[in-house]
Amino acid sequence: MTHERPEDNFTHVAGRVAHVHFTDSDAGGSHLAWGDGIIDLDKLVTYLRGQSYEDSLTIGLTNWKYNVGPPPPLKQFVEALRKALCPA
């Protein structure tokens, strides 16, 4: 929404980050399952690794469309993270 890149914010707090809210998003800022939004997961994981980030990641699905059946998008989210964080 603000046209900032995650890298821009990370630079300002370098060395002081212990937790990242890790979620996909659309242009309106919704918290979406990976693959449902516009953020490049592989690029973000590569960036965090390049910064030697090894602390916590929190996922969040807060978009209304997940209220009726959260298990499928949660599974989608976990599978995308598993693939990005632990490539074969």
C-alpha atoms as a PDB file:
ATOM      1  CA  MET A   1       0.000   0.000   0.000  1.00  0.00           C
ATOM      2  CA  THR A   2       2.880   2.379   0.737  1.00  0.00           C
ATOM      3  CA  HIS A   3       5.045   1.183  -2.151  1.00  0.00           C
ATOM      4  CA  GLU A   4       7.806   0.234   0.277  1.00  0.00           C
ATOM      5  CA  ARG A   5       9.776  -2.917  -0.202  1.00  0.00           C
ATOM      6  CA  PRO A   6      10.366  -5.266   2.754  1.00  0.00           C
ATOM      7  CA  GLU A   7      14.077  -4.628   2.213  1.00  0.00           C
ATOM      8  CA  ASP A   8      13.581  -0.908   2.864  1.00  0.00           C
ATOM      9  CA  ASN A   9      12.209  -1.529   6.345  1.00  0.00           C
ATOM     10  CA  PHE A  10      14.706  -4.256   7.183  1.00  0.00           C
ATOM     11  CA  THR A  11      17.596  -1.903   6.424  1.00  0.00           C
ATOM     12  CA  HIS A  12      16.357   0.621   9.022  1.00  0.00           C
ATOM     13  CA  VAL A  13      16.305  -1.970  11.806  1.00  0.00           C
ATOM     14  CA  ALA A  14      19.274  -4.114  10.752  1.00  0.00           C
ATOM     15  CA  GLY A  15      20.567  -6.322  13.536  1.00  0.00           C
ATOM     16  CA  ARG A  16      17.518  -5.695  15.729  1.00  0.00           C
ATOM     17  CA  VAL A  17      14.932  -7.927  14.083  1.00  0.00           C
ATOM     18  CA  ALA A  18      13.883 -11.063  15.968  1.00  0.00           C
ATOM     19  CA  HIS A  19      10.444 -11.642  14.454  1.00  0.00           C
ATOM     20  CA  VAL A  20       9.000 -11.261  10.957  1.00  0.00           C
ATOM     21  CA  HIS A  21       5.274 -11.353  10.194  1.00  0.00           C
ATOM     22  CA  PHE A  22       5.507 -13.444   7.060  1.00  0.00           C
ATOM     23  CA  THR A  23       2.458 -13.299   4.816  1.00  0.00           C
ATOM     24  CA  ASP A  24       1.488 -12.709   1.220  1.00  0.00           C
ATOM     25  CA  SER A  25      -0.489  -9.575   0.451  1.00  0.00           C
ATOM     26  CA  ASP A  26      -2.474  -7.830  -2.223  1.00  0.00           C
ATOM     27  CA  ALA A  27      -2.315  -4.160  -3.175  1.00  0.00           C
ATOM     28  CA  GLY A  28      -4.834  -3.394  -0.431  1.00  0.00           C
ATOM     29  CA  GLY A  29      -2.711  -4.922   2.338  1.00  0.00           C
ATOM     30  CA  SER A  30      -4.722  -8.078   3.005  1.00  0.00           C
ATOM     31  CA  HIS A  31      -2.940 -10.897   4.819  1.00  0.00           C
ATOM     32  CA  LEU A  32      -3.150 -13.783   2.363  1.00  0.00           C
ATOM     33  CA  ALA A  33      -1.879 -17.310   1.939  1.00  0.00           C
ATOM     34  CA  TRP A  34       1.271 -17.491  -0.176  1.00  0.00           C
ATOM     35  CA  GLY A  35       0.279 -17.651  -3.804  1.00  0.00           C
ATOM     36  CA  ASP A  36      -2.894 -15.618  -3.316  1.00  0.00           C
ATOM     37  CA  GLY A  37      -1.136 -12.247  -3.342  1.00  0.00           C
ATOM     38  CA  ILE A  38       1.586 -10.317  -5.125  1.00  0.00           C
ATOM     39  CA  ILE A  39       4.691 -10.777  -2.941  1.00  0.00           C
ATOM     40  CA  ASP A  40       7.534 -12.860  -4.367  1.00  0.00           C
ATOM     41  CA  LEU A  41       8.123 -15.483  -1.655  1.00  0.00           C
ATOM     42  CA  ASP A  42      11.365 -16.839  -3.098  1.00  0.00           C
ATOM     43  CA  LYS A  43      12.837 -13.341  -3.416  1.00  0.00           C
ATOM     44  CA  LEU A  44      11.882 -12.501   0.169  1.00  0.00           C
ATOM     45  CA  VAL A  45      13.364 -15.749   1.544  1.00  0.00           C
ATOM     46  CA  THR A  46      16.546 -15.146  -0.453  1.00  0.00           C
ATOM     47  CA  TYR A  47      16.781 -11.632   0.984  1.00  0.00           C
ATOM     48  CA  LEU A  48      16.282 -12.819   4.583  1.00  0.00           C
ATOM     49  CA  ARG A  49      18.914 -15.509   4.122  1.00  0.00           C
ATOM     50  CA  GLY A  50      21.290 -12.888   2.702  1.00  0.00           C
ATOM     51  CA  GLN A  51      20.774 -10.906   5.909  1.00  0.00           C
ATOM     52  CA  SER A  52      21.545 -14.054   7.964  1.00  0.00           C
ATOM     53  CA  TYR A  53      18.047 -13.903   9.469  1.00  0.00           C
ATOM     54  CA  GLU A  54      17.402 -17.066  11.479  1.00  0.00           C
ATOM     55  CA  ASP A  55      14.755 -15.945  13.948  1.00  0.00           C
ATOM     56  CA  SER A  56      10.985 -16.343  14.071  1.00  0.00           C
ATOM     57  CA  LEU A  57       8.482 -16.182  11.228  1.00  0.00           C
ATOM     58  CA  THR A  58       4.796 -15.772  11.999  1.00  0.00           C
ATOM     59  CA  ILE A  59       2.121 -16.539   9.446  1.00  0.00           C
ATOM     60  CA  GLY A  60      -1.280 -14.930   9.415  1.00  0.00           C
ATOM     61  CA  LEU A  61      -4.452 -15.407   7.406  1.00  0.00           C
ATOM     62  CA  THR A  62      -6.732 -12.512   8.260  1.00  0.00           C
ATOM     63  CA  ASN A  63      -8.652 -12.030   5.033  1.00  0.00           C
ATOM     64  CA  TRP A  64     -12.393 -12.591   5.367  1.00  0.00           C
ATOM     65  CA  LYS A  65     -12.417 -15.123   2.509  1.00  0.00           C
ATOM     66  CA  TYR A  66     -10.590 -17.637   4.732  1.00  0.00           C
ATOM     67  CA  ASN A  67     -13.179 -17.509   7.553  1.00  0.00           C
ATOM     68  CA  VAL A  68     -15.434 -20.237   6.192  1.00  0.00           C
ATOM     69  CA  GLY A  69     -12.715 -22.804   5.503  1.00  0.00           C
ATOM     70  CA  PRO A  70      -9.256 -21.952   6.828  1.00  0.00           C
ATOM     71  CA  PRO A  71      -7.605 -25.411   6.497  1.00  0.00           C
ATOM     72  CA  PRO A  72      -7.040 -25.344   2.686  1.00  0.00           C
ATOM     73  CA  PRO A  73      -5.356 -21.894   2.573  1.00  0.00           C
ATOM     74  CA  LEU A  74      -3.369 -22.729   5.720  1.00  0.00           C
ATOM     75  CA  LYS A  75      -2.136 -25.920   4.064  1.00  0.00           C
ATOM     76  CA  GLN A  76      -1.306 -23.890   0.918  1.00  0.00           C
ATOM     77  CA  PHE A  77       0.633 -21.441   3.093  1.00  0.00           C
ATOM     78  CA  VAL A  78       2.618 -24.150   4.888  1.00  0.00           C
ATOM     79  CA  GLU A  79       3.443 -25.988   1.655  1.00  0.00           C
ATOM     80  CA  ALA A  80       4.670 -22.783   0.001  1.00  0.00           C
ATOM     81  CA  LEU A  81       6.848 -21.984   3.016  1.00  0.00           C
ATOM     82  CA  ARG A  82       8.205 -25.515   3.162  1.00  0.00           C
ATOM     83  CA  LYS A  83       9.138 -25.355  -0.515  1.00  0.00           C
ATOM     84  CA  ALA A  84      10.776 -21.922  -0.171  1.00  0.00           C
ATOM     85  CA  LEU A  85      12.617 -22.594   3.092  1.00  0.00           C
ATOM     86  CA  CYS A  86      13.690 -26.180   2.436  1.00  0.00           C
ATOM     87  CA  PRO A  87      14.233 -26.517  -1.329  1.00  0.00           C
ATOM     88  CA  ALA A  88      14.895 -30.058  -2.547  1.00  0.00           C
END
